[in-house]
Amino acid sequence: MAFPTEQEIQRVLKKLENVEPTFVLDRKNASAVDKIKYDLCSEFVDYLRSNNLSQVELDSKLDIDKARVNKIIKYRIEVFTIDKLLSLLSIIKPSKELRVS
């Protein structure tokens, strides 16, 4: 596999210019609520990967719009309540048991 050309690198960089980055949580300084919401979002990411689904397929399963699914998988925890994330998670993982520690 050869290193990409300068043209290919520039094409990819241009494509990434307007992409919203994934939120990374500072667990050491985060509140308990933020940690829980972050962990709940990771359940959706895990579900996408383990079931080889697209965001469109997930939004169809959850019956929410694509933008909301994108916020979940980008860990935009400030947009959601724990209740909302739990209710959505119960749709795709109805037997999931959660423990707070």
Protein backbone atom coordinates (compact mmCIF):
# COMPACT_ATOMS: atom_id res chain seq x y z
CA MET A 1 0.00 0.00 0.00
CA ALA A 2 1.51 3.30 -1.10
CA PHE A 3 1.39 6.57 0.78
CA PRO A 4 -1.45 8.78 -0.50
CA THR A 5 -0.68 11.51 -2.97
CA GLU A 6 -0.73 15.15 -1.95
CA GLN A 7 -3.91 15.55 -3.97
CA GLU A 8 -5.61 12.71 -2.06
CA ILE A 9 -4.48 14.16 1.28
CA GLN A 10 -5.89 17.57 0.36
CA ARG A 11 -9.16 16.00 -0.79
CA VAL A 12 -9.56 14.20 2.56
CA LEU A 13 -8.61 17.30 4.57
CA LYS A 14 -11.18 19.36 2.68
CA LYS A 15 -13.81 16.71 3.38
CA LEU A 16 -12.99 16.81 7.10
CA GLU A 17 -13.09 20.62 7.41
CA ASN A 18 -16.76 20.79 8.40
CA VAL A 19 -17.04 17.51 10.26
CA GLU A 20 -18.16 17.77 13.86
CA PRO A 21 -15.59 16.02 16.08
CA THR A 22 -16.47 13.34 18.59
CA PHE A 23 -16.63 14.58 22.17
CA VAL A 24 -14.08 13.02 24.50
CA LEU A 25 -14.94 13.03 28.18
CA ASP A 26 -12.40 13.89 30.86
CA ARG A 27 -13.56 11.15 33.22
CA LYS A 28 -11.35 12.39 36.04
CA ASN A 29 -13.15 15.73 36.23
CA ALA A 30 -16.56 14.80 34.81
CA SER A 31 -19.73 14.72 36.85
CA ALA A 32 -21.44 11.41 37.57
CA VAL A 33 -24.30 12.41 35.25
CA ASP A 34 -21.91 13.13 32.37
CA LYS A 35 -20.12 9.82 32.91
CA ILE A 36 -23.41 7.93 32.78
CA LYS A 37 -24.56 9.74 29.63
CA TYR A 38 -21.18 9.13 27.99
CA ASP A 39 -21.35 5.42 28.85
CA LEU A 40 -24.88 5.22 27.48
CA CYS A 41 -23.74 6.80 24.21
CA SER A 42 -20.98 4.22 23.99
CA GLU A 43 -23.66 1.51 24.09
CA PHE A 44 -25.09 2.91 20.84
CA VAL A 45 -21.65 3.04 19.21
CA ASP A 46 -21.03 -0.54 20.30
CA TYR A 47 -24.42 -1.58 18.90
CA LEU A 48 -23.65 0.07 15.54
CA ARG A 49 -20.30 -1.67 15.28
CA SER A 50 -21.33 -5.09 16.51
CA ASN A 51 -24.37 -5.18 14.21
CA ASN A 52 -22.59 -3.52 11.28
CA LEU A 53 -25.32 -0.90 10.95
CA SER A 54 -25.31 2.53 9.41
CA GLN A 55 -26.59 5.62 11.19
CA VAL A 56 -29.60 5.60 8.85
CA GLU A 57 -30.46 2.05 9.90
CA LEU A 58 -30.11 3.00 13.56
CA ASP A 59 -32.29 6.09 13.26
CA SER A 60 -34.94 3.92 11.64
CA LYS A 61 -34.79 1.44 14.54
CA LEU A 62 -34.95 4.23 17.12
CA ASP A 63 -37.53 6.24 15.17
CA ILE A 64 -35.57 9.46 15.57
CA ASP A 65 -33.96 11.65 12.95
CA LYS A 66 -30.44 11.14 11.65
CA ALA A 67 -29.14 14.30 13.31
CA ARG A 68 -30.11 12.98 16.75
CA VAL A 69 -28.40 9.64 16.09
CA ASN A 70 -25.32 11.53 14.95
CA LYS A 71 -25.29 13.47 18.21
CA ILE A 72 -25.50 10.23 20.18
CA ILE A 73 -22.63 8.55 18.37
CA LYS A 74 -20.54 11.71 18.57
CA TYR A 75 -21.10 11.67 22.35
CA ARG A 76 -22.88 15.04 22.44
CA ILE A 77 -24.02 14.31 25.97
CA GLU A 78 -25.18 17.87 26.66
CA VAL A 79 -28.07 17.36 24.21
CA PHE A 80 -29.64 14.41 26.03
CA THR A 81 -30.97 13.50 29.42
CA ILE A 82 -30.19 10.16 31.03
CA ASP A 83 -33.90 9.30 30.74
CA LYS A 84 -33.94 9.91 26.99
CA LEU A 85 -30.79 7.87 26.37
CA LEU A 86 -32.13 5.02 28.52
CA SER A 87 -35.45 4.97 26.70
CA LEU A 88 -33.70 4.86 23.32
CA LEU A 89 -31.27 2.21 24.51
CA SER A 90 -34.14 0.01 25.68
CA ILE A 91 -35.36 -0.11 22.07
CA ILE A 92 -32.18 -1.72 20.75
CA LYS A 93 -31.05 -3.53 23.89
CA PRO A 94 -34.22 -4.37 25.81
CA SER A 95 -32.52 -6.86 28.12
CA LYS A 96 -29.49 -4.66 28.88
CA GLU A 97 -28.86 -4.36 32.61
CA LEU A 98 -27.15 -1.21 33.79
CA ARG A 99 -25.33 -0.75 37.07
CA VAL A 100 -24.15 2.48 38.55
CA SER A 101 -20.91 2.23 40.48
